[in-house]
Amino acid sequence: MTIENILLIACLLLLIQIFIPIIIDLVFTQKIKIVYLFTSRDNNIENSIYFNRGKRALSNLLETLPIFISLALLSIFLEIDNAHLALLWLVFRATYFPIYILGIKYARTLLWLGALACLILMGIKFI
């Protein structure tokens, strides 16, 4: 798989992580009503623990995604082969999301550390 394809899949992962917490509370826990989605959301509603975990996982992705995108684009422009590390990062991040929502503590941390190690190793390849 090329690094360009991995970047596209990372964007898809971001979109999925944006919508999954809403879908969880709309369909599964029914904490959100469809009408609420069409409002300006001035009033806070009580969300499920899974919604809140999903939002925190999304926030965590948003902290590292710019670094990943920068390293991936630099890899393309400088013709440095980081595709395997980028794919591994994507696998770690895609696995991290459901593990975080389910509240599996130690696996979540190990996956986060694995994704971080991938970013560090991608950066080291530029030295």
Protein backbone atom coordinates (compact mmCIF):
# COMPACT_ATOMS: atom_id res chain seq x y z
CA MET A 1 0.00 0.00 0.00
CA THR A 2 1.34 3.42 -0.88
CA ILE A 3 1.74 6.21 1.62
CA GLU A 4 -0.73 8.27 -0.42
CA ASN A 5 -3.40 5.59 0.11
CA ILE A 6 -2.54 5.44 3.80
CA LEU A 7 -3.06 9.22 4.04
CA LEU A 8 -6.48 8.88 2.43
CA ILE A 9 -7.43 6.09 4.83
CA ALA A 10 -6.22 8.24 7.76
CA CYS A 11 -8.64 10.95 6.58
CA LEU A 12 -11.40 8.35 6.46
CA LEU A 13 -10.48 7.26 9.99
CA LEU A 14 -10.87 10.87 11.12
CA LEU A 15 -14.34 11.12 9.58
CA ILE A 16 -15.37 7.85 11.17
CA GLN A 17 -14.14 8.97 14.58
CA ILE A 18 -16.10 12.21 14.24
CA PHE A 19 -19.40 10.43 13.61
CA ILE A 20 -19.14 7.25 15.73
CA PRO A 21 -19.80 8.93 19.12
CA ILE A 22 -22.95 10.55 17.71
CA ILE A 23 -24.10 7.26 16.19
CA ILE A 24 -23.49 5.47 19.49
CA ASP A 25 -25.68 7.91 21.41
CA LEU A 26 -28.29 8.16 18.66
CA VAL A 27 -28.74 4.47 17.87
CA PHE A 28 -27.42 2.41 20.76
CA THR A 29 -27.78 4.38 24.00
CA GLN A 30 -30.50 6.70 22.63
CA LYS A 31 -29.15 9.63 24.65
CA ILE A 32 -29.40 11.84 21.54
CA LYS A 33 -32.62 12.33 19.61
CA ILE A 34 -32.52 13.00 15.87
CA VAL A 35 -34.19 16.39 16.42
CA TYR A 36 -31.25 17.47 18.58
CA LEU A 37 -28.86 16.99 15.66
CA PHE A 38 -30.71 19.71 13.72
CA THR A 39 -30.46 22.30 16.49
CA SER A 40 -27.67 24.76 17.21
CA ARG A 41 -26.96 22.67 20.32
CA ASP A 42 -27.21 25.58 22.74
CA ASN A 43 -28.43 23.24 25.45
CA ASN A 44 -26.14 20.54 26.73
CA ILE A 45 -27.51 17.04 27.00
CA GLU A 46 -26.21 14.18 29.06
CA ASN A 47 -24.18 11.89 26.84
CA SER A 48 -23.23 8.30 27.47
CA ILE A 49 -19.85 7.27 28.78
CA TYR A 50 -19.15 5.77 25.34
CA PHE A 51 -19.90 9.07 23.62
CA ASN A 52 -17.53 10.87 25.99
CA ARG A 53 -14.81 8.27 25.48
CA GLY A 54 -15.26 8.53 21.71
CA LYS A 55 -14.89 12.32 21.89
CA ARG A 56 -11.72 11.99 23.97
CA ALA A 57 -10.31 9.43 21.52
CA LEU A 58 -11.08 11.84 18.66
CA SER A 59 -9.37 14.64 20.55
CA ASN A 60 -6.35 12.42 21.03
CA LEU A 61 -6.24 11.64 17.30
CA LEU A 62 -6.42 15.35 16.48
CA GLU A 63 -3.32 15.93 18.63
CA THR A 64 -1.14 13.57 16.60
CA LEU A 65 -2.76 13.57 13.14
CA PRO A 66 -1.02 16.79 12.02
CA ILE A 67 2.33 15.25 12.91
CA PHE A 68 1.47 12.09 10.99
CA ILE A 69 0.29 14.02 7.93
CA SER A 70 3.42 16.21 7.98
CA LEU A 71 5.73 13.19 8.20
CA ALA A 72 3.80 11.33 5.50
CA LEU A 73 3.88 14.31 3.12
CA LEU A 74 7.58 14.87 3.78
CA SER A 75 8.13 11.19 3.04
CA ILE A 76 6.44 11.61 -0.32
CA PHE A 77 8.27 14.82 -1.25
CA LEU A 78 11.69 13.61 -0.09
CA GLU A 79 11.11 10.06 -1.39
CA ILE A 80 11.76 8.41 1.96
CA ASP A 81 10.07 5.06 2.40
CA ASN A 82 7.90 5.38 5.48
CA ALA A 83 4.93 3.43 4.11
CA HIS A 84 5.28 0.47 6.48
CA LEU A 85 5.55 2.70 9.54
CA ALA A 86 2.65 4.83 8.32
CA LEU A 87 0.51 1.74 7.82
CA LEU A 88 1.46 0.46 11.27
CA TRP A 89 0.55 3.87 12.74
CA LEU A 90 -2.83 3.65 10.99
CA VAL A 91 -3.45 0.15 12.36
CA PHE A 92 -2.56 1.28 15.88
CA ARG A 93 -4.82 4.34 15.64
CA ALA A 94 -7.74 2.42 14.10
CA THR A 95 -7.48 -0.20 16.85
CA TYR A 96 -7.04 2.43 19.56
CA PHE A 97 -10.46 3.96 18.93
CA PRO A 98 -12.72 0.99 19.78
CA ILE A 99 -10.41 -0.07 22.61
CA TYR A 100 -10.72 3.42 24.11
CA ILE A 101 -14.52 3.43 23.75
CA LEU A 102 -14.73 0.03 25.45
CA GLY A 103 -12.52 1.28 28.31
CA ILE A 104 -9.75 -1.32 28.01
CA LYS A 105 -7.03 0.57 29.89
CA TYR A 106 -3.70 -1.13 29.33
CA ALA A 107 -4.33 -2.14 25.72
CA ARG A 108 -5.29 1.46 24.95
CA THR A 109 -2.03 2.75 26.39
CA LEU A 110 0.04 0.15 24.54
CA LEU A 111 -1.64 1.05 21.26
CA TRP A 112 -1.03 4.75 21.89
CA LEU A 113 2.64 4.06 22.64
CA GLY A 114 2.92 1.97 19.47
CA ALA A 115 1.47 4.79 17.38
CA LEU A 116 3.82 7.28 19.04
CA ALA A 117 6.80 5.00 18.35
CA CYS A 118 5.78 4.88 14.68
CA LEU A 119 5.79 8.67 14.50
CA ILE A 120 9.20 8.86 16.15
CA LEU A 121 10.64 6.20 13.82
CA MET A 122 9.17 7.97 10.80
CA GLY A 123 10.89 11.18 11.92
CA ILE A 124 14.20 9.45 12.57
CA LYS A 125 14.30 8.32 8.93
CA PHE A 126 14.81 11.98 7.93
CA ILE A 127 18.05 12.26 9.90
